[in-house]
């Protein structure tokens, strides 16, 4: 019975790591769209996106304390690309067009902050 418990514990604790910068960009776009849907664009701009050791972008609704577990951390209010998002809260088409711009800005910041992220290959 002990091996079953170890197997379930090992499987539950493991999540797939991103293997390319393109995969990280796709996941960042999903995170941004989900946050806009759940909380709205103004709340997104007030938050922080961090890159965890598995290269998964994660959203924090406030500026988290510095943690050694994050490869990179970007406060969205500091990005000039995030400023227009709060104005287009009601227009889904405008939000979708600005999401790709915001993802490109996030990747730029991830590259500047994390040598491990720069080492990932560009395409899947």
Protein backbone atom coordinates (compact mmCIF):
# COMPACT_ATOMS: atom_id res chain seq x y z
CA UNK A 1 0.00 0.00 0.00
CA UNK A 2 2.94 2.34 0.59
CA UNK A 3 4.01 2.36 -3.07
CA UNK A 4 0.53 3.51 -4.14
CA UNK A 5 0.68 6.48 -1.78
CA UNK A 6 4.17 7.40 -3.05
CA UNK A 7 3.02 7.10 -6.66
CA UNK A 8 -0.01 9.38 -6.13
CA UNK A 9 2.08 11.90 -4.20
CA UNK A 10 4.75 11.98 -6.88
CA UNK A 11 2.20 12.34 -9.70
CA UNK A 12 0.19 15.06 -7.97
CA UNK A 13 3.21 17.20 -7.14
CA UNK A 14 4.65 17.20 -10.65
CA UNK A 15 3.44 19.60 -13.34
CA UNK A 16 4.71 19.76 -16.88
CA UNK A 17 7.42 22.35 -17.43
CA UNK A 18 7.36 24.59 -20.46
CA UNK A 19 9.98 23.56 -23.01
CA UNK A 20 10.17 26.63 -25.26
CA UNK A 21 9.69 30.37 -25.15
CA UNK A 22 6.77 29.94 -27.57
CA UNK A 23 5.01 27.65 -25.07
CA UNK A 24 5.60 30.20 -22.31
CA UNK A 25 4.12 32.92 -24.52
CA UNK A 26 1.02 30.83 -25.22
CA UNK A 27 0.55 30.14 -21.51
CA UNK A 28 1.08 33.82 -20.65
CA UNK A 29 -1.66 34.76 -23.13
CA UNK A 30 -4.00 32.24 -21.48
CA UNK A 31 -3.21 33.63 -18.03
CA UNK A 32 -3.82 37.22 -19.16
CA UNK A 33 -7.12 36.36 -20.85
CA UNK A 34 -8.29 34.42 -17.80
CA UNK A 35 -7.44 37.25 -15.41
CA UNK A 36 -9.23 39.77 -17.65
CA UNK A 37 -12.28 37.49 -17.73
CA UNK A 38 -12.27 36.83 -13.98
CA UNK A 39 -11.15 40.17 -12.51
CA UNK A 40 -11.07 42.73 -15.30
CA UNK A 41 -8.32 44.59 -17.10
CA UNK A 42 -7.74 47.26 -14.42
CA UNK A 43 -7.01 44.56 -11.83
CA UNK A 44 -4.65 42.84 -14.27
CA UNK A 45 -2.62 46.01 -14.69
CA UNK A 46 -2.29 46.35 -10.91
CA UNK A 47 -0.86 42.84 -10.55
CA UNK A 48 2.37 40.99 -11.15
CA UNK A 49 3.26 38.12 -13.47
CA UNK A 50 6.06 35.89 -12.27
CA UNK A 51 7.84 33.01 -13.94
CA UNK A 52 8.19 29.95 -11.72
CA UNK A 53 11.07 27.43 -11.96
CA UNK A 54 9.01 25.26 -14.33
CA UNK A 55 8.79 28.25 -16.71
CA UNK A 56 5.05 28.67 -16.02
CA UNK A 57 3.75 32.25 -15.92
CA UNK A 58 1.67 32.89 -12.79
CA UNK A 59 -0.42 35.96 -11.91
CA UNK A 60 -0.36 37.57 -8.47
CA UNK A 61 -2.94 40.26 -7.79
CA UNK A 62 -0.42 42.30 -5.83
CA UNK A 63 3.32 42.73 -5.75
CA UNK A 64 4.57 39.60 -3.97
CA UNK A 65 7.49 39.62 -1.61
CA UNK A 66 10.70 38.68 -3.35
CA UNK A 67 10.96 34.95 -3.50
CA UNK A 68 13.87 32.80 -4.51
CA UNK A 69 11.47 30.47 -6.31
CA UNK A 70 10.60 32.92 -9.08
CA UNK A 71 12.90 33.14 -12.10
CA UNK A 72 11.46 36.52 -13.07
CA UNK A 73 8.81 38.88 -11.76
CA UNK A 74 7.18 41.69 -13.77
CA UNK A 75 4.89 44.30 -12.28
CA UNK A 76 2.49 45.08 -15.11
CA UNK A 77 1.89 48.70 -14.08
CA UNK A 78 5.57 49.37 -14.87
CA UNK A 79 5.14 48.26 -18.49
CA UNK A 80 4.10 50.96 -20.97
CA UNK A 81 2.32 48.27 -23.02
CA UNK A 82 -0.09 47.60 -20.13
CA UNK A 83 -1.38 51.19 -19.83
CA UNK A 84 -3.97 50.96 -22.67
CA UNK A 85 -5.55 47.82 -21.19
CA UNK A 86 -7.41 49.66 -18.45
CA UNK A 87 -9.12 51.88 -21.04
CA UNK A 88 -10.47 48.95 -23.10
CA UNK A 89 -12.18 47.02 -20.31
CA UNK A 90 -15.47 46.71 -22.25
CA UNK A 91 -14.11 46.02 -25.76
CA UNK A 92 -13.07 42.36 -26.25
CA UNK A 93 -11.54 42.97 -29.69
CA UNK A 94 -9.29 45.74 -28.38
CA UNK A 95 -8.30 43.61 -25.38
CA UNK A 96 -7.38 40.71 -27.66
CA UNK A 97 -5.16 42.91 -29.81
CA UNK A 98 -3.39 44.36 -26.77
CA UNK A 99 -2.92 40.93 -25.19
CA UNK A 100 -0.36 39.94 -27.82
CA UNK A 101 1.51 43.20 -27.25
CA UNK A 102 1.51 42.60 -23.50
CA UNK A 103 2.76 39.02 -23.96
CA UNK A 104 5.65 40.30 -26.09
CA UNK A 105 6.53 42.81 -23.36
CA UNK A 106 6.40 40.06 -20.70
CA UNK A 107 8.73 37.84 -22.72
CA UNK A 108 11.12 40.76 -23.17
CA UNK A 109 11.19 41.29 -19.38
CA UNK A 110 11.53 37.56 -18.68
CA UNK A 111 14.53 37.45 -21.03
CA UNK A 112 16.16 40.43 -19.36
CA UNK A 113 15.69 39.04 -15.84
CA UNK A 114 16.34 35.32 -16.25
CA UNK A 115 19.32 33.62 -17.89
CA UNK A 116 17.51 30.28 -17.59
CA UNK A 117 14.61 31.68 -19.64
CA UNK A 118 17.03 33.03 -22.27
CA UNK A 119 18.49 29.52 -22.52
CA UNK A 120 15.13 28.05 -23.56
CA UNK A 121 14.75 27.49 -27.28
CA UNK A 122 12.53 29.93 -29.20
CA UNK A 123 10.21 27.48 -31.01
CA UNK A 124 8.61 24.25 -29.82
